[in-house]
N, C-alpha and C. Protein backbone atom coordinates (compact mmCIF):
# COMPACT_ATOMS: atom_id res chain seq x y z
N MET A 1 -8.98 21.80 -2.54
CA MET A 1 -8.62 22.31 -3.30
C MET A 1 -7.64 23.42 -3.39
N THR A 2 -7.02 24.05 -4.02
CA THR A 2 -6.00 24.79 -3.80
C THR A 2 -6.10 26.13 -3.30
N PRO A 3 -5.62 27.08 -2.87
CA PRO A 3 -6.10 28.13 -2.16
C PRO A 3 -6.63 29.39 -3.49
N LEU A 4 -5.71 28.97 -4.69
CA LEU A 4 -6.25 29.82 -6.06
C LEU A 4 -7.70 29.42 -6.39
N GLU A 5 -7.64 27.70 -6.30
CA GLU A 5 -9.34 27.64 -6.80
C GLU A 5 -10.33 28.11 -5.63
N GLN A 6 -9.98 27.76 -4.39
CA GLN A 6 -10.71 28.56 -3.33
C GLN A 6 -11.00 30.20 -3.58
N ALA A 7 -10.27 30.71 -3.80
CA ALA A 7 -10.45 32.42 -4.27
C ALA A 7 -11.63 32.43 -5.38
N THR A 8 -11.11 31.40 -6.45
CA THR A 8 -11.96 31.70 -7.66
C THR A 8 -13.32 31.33 -7.05
N THR A 9 -13.68 30.07 -6.62
CA THR A 9 -15.02 29.88 -6.09
C THR A 9 -15.61 31.06 -5.20
N LEU A 10 -14.85 31.29 -4.82
CA LEU A 10 -15.79 32.85 -3.48
C LEU A 10 -15.81 33.96 -4.33
N ALA A 11 -15.26 34.00 -5.31
CA ALA A 11 -14.85 35.27 -6.55
C ALA A 11 -16.37 35.37 -7.23
N THR A 12 -16.42 33.96 -7.89
CA THR A 12 -17.71 33.39 -8.59
C THR A 12 -18.75 33.61 -7.71
N PHE A 13 -18.81 33.35 -6.87
CA PHE A 13 -19.68 32.91 -5.57
C PHE A 13 -20.49 34.51 -5.30
N GLY A 14 -19.34 34.98 -5.04
CA GLY A 14 -19.73 36.97 -4.63
C GLY A 14 -20.56 37.26 -5.77
N SER A 15 -20.01 37.03 -7.20
CA SER A 15 -20.39 37.42 -8.33
C SER A 15 -21.71 37.47 -8.73
N VAL A 16 -22.09 35.83 -8.78
CA VAL A 16 -23.35 35.19 -8.78
C VAL A 16 -24.45 35.80 -7.62
N TRP A 17 -23.71 35.97 -6.76
CA TRP A 17 -24.96 36.49 -5.61
C TRP A 17 -25.17 37.90 -6.01
N ALA A 18 -24.03 38.83 -6.72
CA ALA A 18 -24.59 40.27 -6.67
C ALA A 18 -25.30 40.31 -7.73
N VAL A 19 -25.14 39.59 -8.93
CA VAL A 19 -26.08 39.62 -10.03
C VAL A 19 -27.52 39.06 -9.45
N LEU A 20 -27.57 37.94 -8.95
CA LEU A 20 -29.16 37.56 -8.76
C LEU A 20 -29.79 38.56 -7.55
N ALA A 21 -28.86 39.48 -6.65
CA ALA A 21 -29.62 40.30 -5.88
C ALA A 21 -30.04 41.40 -6.68
N VAL A 22 -28.98 42.07 -7.81
CA VAL A 22 -29.63 43.08 -8.66
C VAL A 22 -30.70 42.58 -9.83
N GLY A 23 -30.41 41.47 -10.09
CA GLY A 23 -31.73 40.84 -11.02
C GLY A 23 -32.74 40.83 -10.61
N HIS A 24 -32.87 40.28 -9.25
CA HIS A 24 -33.96 40.08 -8.29
C HIS A 24 -35.18 41.08 -8.62
N ASN A 25 -34.30 42.19 -7.84
CA ASN A 25 -35.03 43.66 -7.45
C ASN A 25 -35.28 44.23 -9.41
N LEU A 26 -34.76 44.26 -10.25
CA LEU A 26 -35.05 44.66 -11.50
C LEU A 26 -35.87 43.53 -12.00
N ALA A 27 -35.85 42.16 -11.72
CA ALA A 27 -37.11 41.54 -12.74
C ALA A 27 -38.26 41.72 -11.85
N ASP A 28 -38.05 41.83 -10.24
CA ASP A 28 -39.66 41.53 -9.49
C ASP A 28 -40.41 42.69 -9.61
N HIS A 29 -39.45 43.69 -9.73
CA HIS A 29 -40.35 45.18 -9.66
C HIS A 29 -40.00 46.05 -10.68
N VAL A 30 -39.49 45.73 -11.95
CA VAL A 30 -39.33 46.36 -13.20
C VAL A 30 -39.65 45.66 -14.55
N PHE A 31 -38.86 45.01 -14.71
CA PHE A 31 -39.20 44.47 -16.13
C PHE A 31 -39.80 42.91 -15.88
N GLY A 32 -39.77 42.47 -14.85
CA GLY A 32 -40.25 40.93 -14.85
C GLY A 32 -41.76 40.93 -14.38
N GLN A 33 -42.52 41.91 -14.15
CA GLN A 33 -44.36 41.49 -14.06
C GLN A 33 -44.53 43.15 -14.59
N ASN A 34 -45.98 42.79 -14.94
CA ASN A 34 -46.86 43.68 -15.10
C ASN A 34 -48.03 43.48 -14.06
N ASP A 35 -48.83 44.74 -14.66
CA ASP A 35 -49.71 44.99 -13.18
C ASP A 35 -50.77 43.75 -13.25
N TRP A 36 -51.34 42.98 -14.40
CA TRP A 36 -52.17 42.23 -14.27
C TRP A 36 -51.44 41.02 -13.99
N GLN A 37 -50.45 40.50 -13.87
CA GLN A 37 -49.24 39.55 -13.17
C GLN A 37 -49.26 39.66 -11.96
N ALA A 38 -48.76 41.10 -10.91
CA ALA A 38 -48.73 41.34 -9.59
C ALA A 38 -50.00 41.18 -8.93
N THR A 39 -51.46 41.68 -9.96
CA THR A 39 -52.75 41.57 -9.18
C THR A 39 -53.67 40.44 -9.10
N ASN A 40 -53.19 39.31 -10.53
CA ASN A 40 -53.33 38.09 -10.05
C ASN A 40 -53.21 37.07 -10.05
N LYS A 41 -51.97 37.11 -9.65
CA LYS A 41 -50.96 35.85 -9.54
C LYS A 41 -51.51 35.10 -7.86
N GLU A 42 -52.05 35.66 -6.97
CA GLU A 42 -52.25 35.15 -5.77
C GLU A 42 -53.08 33.98 -5.90
N ALA A 43 -52.92 33.02 -5.22
CA ALA A 43 -53.97 31.76 -5.01
C ALA A 43 -55.37 32.21 -4.72
N PRO A 44 -56.27 31.81 -5.06
CA PRO A 44 -58.15 32.03 -4.02
C PRO A 44 -57.50 31.65 -2.64
N SER A 45 -58.43 32.72 -1.81
CA SER A 45 -58.43 32.04 -0.37
C SER A 45 -59.10 30.80 -0.14
N ALA A 46 -59.11 30.18 0.90
CA ALA A 46 -59.87 29.00 1.00
C ALA A 46 -61.77 29.55 1.18
N ASP A 47 -62.00 30.54 1.48
CA ASP A 47 -63.08 30.93 1.29
C ASP A 47 -63.95 31.39 -0.24
N GLU A 48 -63.16 31.80 -0.80
CA GLU A 48 -63.18 31.97 -2.36
C GLU A 48 -63.02 30.60 -2.97
N VAL A 49 -62.93 29.58 -2.14
CA VAL A 49 -63.04 28.03 -3.35
C VAL A 49 -64.12 27.96 -2.52
N ALA A 50 -64.34 27.91 -1.50
CA ALA A 50 -65.87 27.06 -1.01
C ALA A 50 -66.82 28.01 -2.00
N ALA A 51 -66.63 29.43 -2.38
CA ALA A 51 -67.78 29.65 -2.73
C ALA A 51 -67.39 29.74 -4.32
N GLY A 52 -66.91 28.56 -4.43
CA GLY A 52 -66.80 28.45 -6.17
C GLY A 52 -65.83 28.75 -6.74
N THR A 53 -64.47 29.37 -6.60
CA THR A 53 -63.76 29.93 -7.12
C THR A 53 -62.70 28.72 -7.54
N ASN A 54 -62.61 28.72 -8.74
CA ASN A 54 -61.55 27.60 -8.85
C ASN A 54 -60.28 27.90 -8.38
N PRO A 55 -59.85 26.41 -7.73
CA PRO A 55 -58.56 26.49 -6.71
C PRO A 55 -57.50 27.05 -7.92
N ARG A 56 -57.33 26.67 -8.87
CA ARG A 56 -55.85 27.05 -9.98
C ARG A 56 -55.96 28.37 -10.26
N GLN A 57 -56.80 29.30 -9.77
CA GLN A 57 -57.00 30.52 -10.61
C GLN A 57 -55.66 31.42 -9.94
N GLY A 58 -55.21 31.93 -10.94
CA GLY A 58 -54.06 32.78 -10.59
C GLY A 58 -52.42 31.79 -11.14
N TRP A 59 -53.07 30.59 -11.41
CA TRP A 59 -51.69 30.47 -12.06
C TRP A 59 -50.79 30.43 -13.06
N ASP A 60 -52.00 30.92 -14.13
CA ASP A 60 -51.85 31.83 -15.54
C ASP A 60 -50.77 33.05 -15.12
N ALA A 61 -51.23 33.91 -14.51
CA ALA A 61 -50.39 34.93 -14.11
C ALA A 61 -49.27 34.63 -13.41
N CYS A 62 -49.17 34.10 -12.22
CA CYS A 62 -47.79 33.84 -11.74
C CYS A 62 -46.96 33.11 -12.24
N LEU A 63 -47.50 31.81 -13.67
CA LEU A 63 -46.53 31.63 -14.30
C LEU A 63 -45.58 32.39 -15.55
N ALA A 64 -46.93 33.34 -15.70
CA ALA A 64 -46.02 34.33 -16.65
C ALA A 64 -45.20 35.26 -15.96
N HIS A 65 -45.49 35.67 -14.76
CA HIS A 65 -44.33 36.53 -14.15
C HIS A 65 -43.36 35.73 -14.03
N VAL A 66 -43.05 34.60 -12.95
CA VAL A 66 -42.26 33.86 -12.82
C VAL A 66 -41.23 33.39 -14.14
N ALA A 67 -41.75 33.01 -15.44
CA ALA A 67 -40.98 33.10 -16.98
C ALA A 67 -40.40 34.37 -16.82
N GLN A 68 -41.12 35.44 -16.89
CA GLN A 68 -40.79 37.07 -17.59
C GLN A 68 -39.79 37.37 -16.67
N TYR A 69 -39.75 36.63 -14.91
CA TYR A 69 -38.72 37.29 -14.61
C TYR A 69 -37.71 36.64 -14.20
N HIS A 70 -37.39 35.35 -14.87
CA HIS A 70 -36.28 34.44 -15.11
C HIS A 70 -35.88 34.54 -16.25
N LEU A 71 -36.76 34.91 -17.33
CA LEU A 71 -35.88 35.76 -18.88
C LEU A 71 -34.91 36.84 -18.17
N VAL A 72 -35.28 37.72 -17.44
CA VAL A 72 -34.26 38.65 -17.09
C VAL A 72 -33.44 38.35 -15.96
N MET A 73 -33.29 37.38 -15.39
CA MET A 73 -32.40 36.99 -14.33
C MET A 73 -31.27 36.44 -15.74
N ALA A 74 -31.70 35.33 -16.44
CA ALA A 74 -30.61 34.43 -17.14
C ALA A 74 -30.46 35.54 -18.33
N VAL A 75 -30.84 36.50 -18.35
CA VAL A 75 -30.13 37.36 -19.55
C VAL A 75 -28.92 38.19 -18.75
N MET A 76 -29.36 38.91 -17.34
CA MET A 76 -28.05 39.45 -16.56
C MET A 76 -27.31 38.36 -16.51
N LEU A 77 -27.06 37.09 -16.34
CA LEU A 77 -26.34 36.28 -15.48
C LEU A 77 -25.53 35.99 -16.96
N VAL A 78 -25.91 35.61 -18.01
CA VAL A 78 -25.07 35.14 -18.97
C VAL A 78 -24.32 36.80 -19.46
N LEU A 79 -25.05 37.83 -19.69
CA LEU A 79 -24.21 38.82 -19.73
C LEU A 79 -23.23 39.12 -18.87
N VAL A 80 -23.31 38.66 -17.93
CA VAL A 80 -21.95 38.95 -16.24
C VAL A 80 -21.44 37.73 -16.89
N TRP A 81 -21.54 36.46 -16.99
CA TRP A 81 -20.94 35.65 -17.76
C TRP A 81 -19.68 36.05 -18.54
N ALA A 82 -20.45 36.84 -19.42
CA ALA A 82 -19.56 36.82 -21.12
C ALA A 82 -18.64 37.71 -20.68
N VAL A 83 -18.58 39.04 -19.92
CA VAL A 83 -17.99 40.08 -19.77
C VAL A 83 -16.48 39.19 -18.22
N LEU A 84 -17.00 38.38 -17.67
CA LEU A 84 -15.87 38.22 -16.39
C LEU A 84 -15.77 36.64 -16.73
N PRO A 85 -14.34 36.34 -16.25
CA PRO A 85 -13.91 35.09 -16.54
C PRO A 85 -14.36 33.97 -15.37
N LEU A 86 -15.65 34.01 -15.11
CA LEU A 86 -16.52 33.40 -14.25
C LEU A 86 -16.36 31.48 -14.21
N GLN A 87 -16.17 30.88 -13.39
CA GLN A 87 -16.35 29.46 -13.33
C GLN A 87 -17.37 28.90 -13.54
N LEU A 88 -18.31 28.67 -14.44
CA LEU A 88 -19.92 28.59 -14.70
C LEU A 88 -19.95 27.43 -15.34
N SER A 89 -21.15 26.62 -15.09
CA SER A 89 -21.61 25.84 -16.32
C SER A 89 -23.22 26.25 -16.45
N TRP A 90 -23.35 25.37 -17.51
CA TRP A 90 -24.75 25.49 -18.09
C TRP A 90 -25.77 24.73 -17.08
N THR A 91 -24.93 23.54 -16.84
CA THR A 91 -25.90 22.92 -15.83
C THR A 91 -26.14 23.61 -14.58
N GLY A 92 -24.95 24.42 -14.43
CA GLY A 92 -25.02 25.13 -12.31
C GLY A 92 -26.13 26.60 -12.95
N LEU A 93 -26.29 26.87 -14.22
CA LEU A 93 -26.92 27.66 -14.23
C LEU A 93 -28.50 27.39 -14.46
N ALA A 94 -28.67 26.18 -15.28
CA ALA A 94 -30.07 25.64 -15.18
C ALA A 94 -30.66 25.41 -13.92
N ALA A 95 -30.22 24.28 -12.96
CA ALA A 95 -30.31 23.79 -11.87
C ALA A 95 -30.60 25.19 -10.85
N GLY A 96 -29.82 26.25 -10.82
CA GLY A 96 -29.83 27.37 -10.09
C GLY A 96 -31.52 28.03 -10.47
N LEU A 97 -31.65 28.22 -11.68
CA LEU A 97 -32.40 28.80 -11.92
C LEU A 97 -33.93 28.24 -11.97
N ALA A 98 -33.77 26.62 -11.90
CA ALA A 98 -34.96 26.14 -12.02
C ALA A 98 -35.44 25.88 -10.31
N VAL A 99 -34.64 25.65 -9.36
CA VAL A 99 -35.16 26.68 -7.66
C VAL A 99 -35.54 27.52 -8.06
N SER A 100 -34.72 28.57 -8.25
CA SER A 100 -35.49 29.45 -8.20
C SER A 100 -36.77 30.43 -9.00
N ALA A 101 -37.09 29.46 -9.84
CA ALA A 101 -38.19 29.59 -10.56
C ALA A 101 -39.43 28.38 -9.55
N ILE A 102 -39.65 27.51 -9.16
CA ILE A 102 -40.05 26.57 -8.26
C ILE A 102 -40.48 27.37 -7.11
N THR A 103 -39.18 27.91 -6.59
CA THR A 103 -39.90 28.49 -4.85
C THR A 103 -40.25 29.66 -5.32
N HIS A 104 -40.14 30.50 -6.25
CA HIS A 104 -40.81 32.04 -6.48
C HIS A 104 -42.16 31.44 -6.91
N ALA A 105 -42.29 30.86 -7.60
CA ALA A 105 -43.89 30.60 -8.24
C ALA A 105 -44.64 30.01 -6.76
N PHE A 106 -43.89 29.50 -5.89
CA PHE A 106 -44.70 29.16 -4.21
C PHE A 106 -44.97 29.77 -3.73
N PHE A 107 -44.40 31.00 -3.47
CA PHE A 107 -43.92 32.04 -2.50
C PHE A 107 -44.97 33.21 -3.06
N ASP A 108 -45.13 33.26 -4.52
CA ASP A 108 -45.93 34.22 -5.40
C ASP A 108 -47.34 33.95 -4.92
N ARG A 109 -47.74 33.09 -4.99
CA ARG A 109 -49.12 32.53 -4.63
C ARG A 109 -49.64 33.01 -3.33
N ARG A 110 -48.85 33.64 -2.23
CA ARG A 110 -48.94 34.42 -1.10
C ARG A 110 -49.75 33.30 0.01
N TRP A 111 -50.38 32.53 -0.24
CA TRP A 111 -50.87 31.48 0.82
C TRP A 111 -49.29 30.72 1.65
N PRO A 112 -48.84 30.65 1.02
CA PRO A 112 -47.44 30.08 1.31
C PRO A 112 -46.68 31.27 2.60
N VAL A 113 -46.38 32.43 2.31
CA VAL A 113 -45.87 33.58 3.14
C VAL A 113 -46.93 33.68 4.09
N ARG A 114 -47.98 33.80 3.96
CA ARG A 114 -48.91 33.97 5.11
C ARG A 114 -49.09 32.81 6.03
N TRP A 115 -48.94 31.76 5.62
CA TRP A 115 -49.22 30.29 6.57
C TRP A 115 -48.39 30.74 7.21
N LEU A 116 -46.59 30.80 6.75
CA LEU A 116 -45.67 30.88 7.67
C LEU A 116 -45.64 31.87 8.61
N LEU A 117 -46.33 33.15 8.37
CA LEU A 117 -46.31 34.36 9.57
C LEU A 117 -47.10 33.89 10.23
N GLN A 118 -48.14 33.17 10.22
CA GLN A 118 -49.42 32.72 11.26
C GLN A 118 -49.10 31.80 12.13
N ASN A 119 -48.52 30.93 11.38
CA ASN A 119 -47.65 29.44 12.30
C ASN A 119 -46.08 29.70 13.02
N THR A 120 -45.76 30.87 13.02
CA THR A 120 -44.31 31.07 13.48
C THR A 120 -44.69 32.01 14.28
N GLY A 121 -45.82 32.91 14.70
CA GLY A 121 -45.79 33.81 16.05
C GLY A 121 -45.73 35.13 15.36
N SER A 122 -46.46 35.40 14.20
CA SER A 122 -46.30 36.81 13.41
C SER A 122 -47.64 36.51 12.90
N PRO A 123 -48.48 36.61 13.59
CA PRO A 123 -50.04 36.44 12.63
C PRO A 123 -50.27 37.74 12.23
N ASP A 124 -49.80 38.62 12.91
CA ASP A 124 -50.25 40.53 12.97
C ASP A 124 -49.34 40.80 12.18
N PHE A 125 -48.28 40.61 11.51
CA PHE A 125 -47.25 41.04 10.71
C PHE A 125 -47.85 40.78 9.14
N ALA A 126 -48.80 39.54 9.29
CA ALA A 126 -49.24 39.55 7.75
C ALA A 126 -50.76 40.36 7.43
N ASP A 127 -50.96 40.98 9.01
CA ASP A 127 -52.17 41.88 8.21
C ASP A 127 -51.58 43.85 8.25
N PRO A 128 -51.47 43.77 7.55
CA PRO A 128 -51.27 45.55 6.90
C PRO A 128 -51.99 46.46 8.25
N GLU A 129 -53.39 45.87 8.44
CA GLU A 129 -53.85 47.14 9.11
C GLU A 129 -53.61 46.88 10.84
N LYS A 130 -52.78 45.64 10.96
CA LYS A 130 -52.78 46.28 12.49
C LYS A 130 -51.13 46.28 13.06
N THR A 131 -50.12 46.20 12.08
CA THR A 131 -49.18 46.80 11.85
C THR A 131 -48.74 48.28 11.10
N GLY A 132 -48.96 48.41 10.04
CA GLY A 132 -48.83 49.44 9.44
C GLY A 132 -47.53 49.17 8.45
N LEU A 133 -47.48 47.53 8.35
CA LEU A 133 -46.39 47.23 7.20
C LEU A 133 -47.02 46.25 6.03
N ASN A 134 -46.61 45.85 5.16
CA ASN A 134 -46.79 44.62 4.40
C ASN A 134 -45.96 43.87 4.68
N GLY A 135 -46.52 42.80 6.03
CA GLY A 135 -45.32 41.81 6.18
C GLY A 135 -45.53 40.88 5.18
N VAL A 136 -46.32 40.64 4.50
CA VAL A 136 -46.40 39.23 3.66
C VAL A 136 -45.79 39.85 2.75
N TYR A 137 -45.54 41.14 2.05
CA TYR A 137 -44.65 41.43 1.14
C TYR A 137 -43.05 41.27 1.31
N LEU A 138 -42.67 42.29 2.64
CA LEU A 138 -41.54 41.90 3.28
C LEU A 138 -40.75 40.13 3.42
N THR A 139 -42.18 39.59 3.80
CA THR A 139 -41.46 38.07 4.15
C THR A 139 -41.50 37.30 2.91
N ASP A 140 -42.07 37.78 1.55
CA ASP A 140 -41.91 37.54 0.38
C ASP A 140 -41.07 37.34 -0.14
N GLN A 141 -39.61 38.75 -0.05
CA GLN A 141 -38.82 39.33 -0.32
C GLN A 141 -38.04 38.37 0.53
N ALA A 142 -37.99 38.42 1.93
CA ALA A 142 -36.69 37.49 2.55
C ALA A 142 -36.94 35.77 1.89
N LEU A 143 -37.72 35.51 1.83
CA LEU A 143 -37.69 34.16 1.38
C LEU A 143 -37.23 34.31 -0.26
N HIS A 144 -37.44 35.01 -0.83
CA HIS A 144 -36.92 35.28 -2.30
C HIS A 144 -35.21 35.04 -2.48
N GLN A 145 -35.36 36.06 -1.57
CA GLN A 145 -33.49 36.19 -0.86
C GLN A 145 -33.14 35.10 -0.48
N THR A 146 -33.76 34.53 0.30
CA THR A 146 -33.28 32.87 0.78
C THR A 146 -33.06 31.85 -0.20
N ALA A 147 -34.18 31.59 -1.23
CA ALA A 147 -34.20 30.81 -2.37
C ALA A 147 -32.72 31.70 -3.27
N LEU A 148 -32.50 32.49 -3.37
CA LEU A 148 -31.19 32.89 -4.25
C LEU A 148 -30.01 32.56 -3.94
N LEU A 149 -30.14 32.50 -2.48
CA LEU A 149 -28.97 32.26 -1.87
C LEU A 149 -28.38 30.76 -2.08
N VAL A 150 -29.54 29.83 -2.19
CA VAL A 150 -29.41 28.31 -2.69
C VAL A 150 -29.25 28.30 -4.40
N SER A 151 -29.81 29.25 -4.76
CA SER A 151 -29.15 29.41 -6.74
C SER A 151 -28.16 29.59 -6.90
N ALA A 152 -27.82 30.41 -6.10
CA ALA A 152 -26.48 31.00 -6.17
C ALA A 152 -24.83 29.99 -6.13
N LEU A 153 -25.90 29.27 -5.01
CA LEU A 153 -24.44 27.85 -4.37
C LEU A 153 -24.82 26.93 -5.82
N LEU A 154 -25.81 26.75 -6.16
CA LEU A 154 -25.98 25.57 -7.40
C LEU A 154 -25.19 26.23 -8.48
N ILE A 155 -25.73 27.12 -8.83
CA ILE A 155 -24.95 27.98 -9.97
C ILE A 155 -23.19 27.54 -10.26
N VAL A 156 -23.01 27.98 -8.89
CA VAL A 156 -21.03 28.08 -9.04
C VAL A 156 -20.63 26.52 -8.41
N ARG A 157 -21.26 25.40 -7.74
CA ARG A 157 -21.07 24.37 -7.21
C ARG A 157 -21.25 23.13 -8.85
N LEU A 158 -22.27 23.28 -9.15
CA LEU A 158 -22.74 22.62 -10.44
C LEU A 158 -21.65 22.69 -11.37
């Protein structure tokens, strides 16, 4: 790879990462989720399932949020691509958004985030009553940002 190609790749990655970071906040907190989706996207607990709740409960709200979120993200990426001379491909965009959608839906069921905290030495962080913080939300956001880093790499390199 020539120095110019390296600089182009780095500039493209920086631009894509910036759009994904800004887009994530806009889509997750403003335009990509309504109150019904936010309230109902979580998977039922084991106790709720044992009491008769359908284990698939919440998928409709979760998938509606993920679709709405990724529509916002796709529009932002395409708009920036239309304005800036970025070296992107439709394949890369599709792959990056697919990884983002799959991981976003998984994390937003909330049990994976709680499980992670409880099994990595931070069970108290998962309980707002013990710490005064919403550790599940903060961890959810950190995991989304990490997944978006992977998405940015796919978008730029495919």
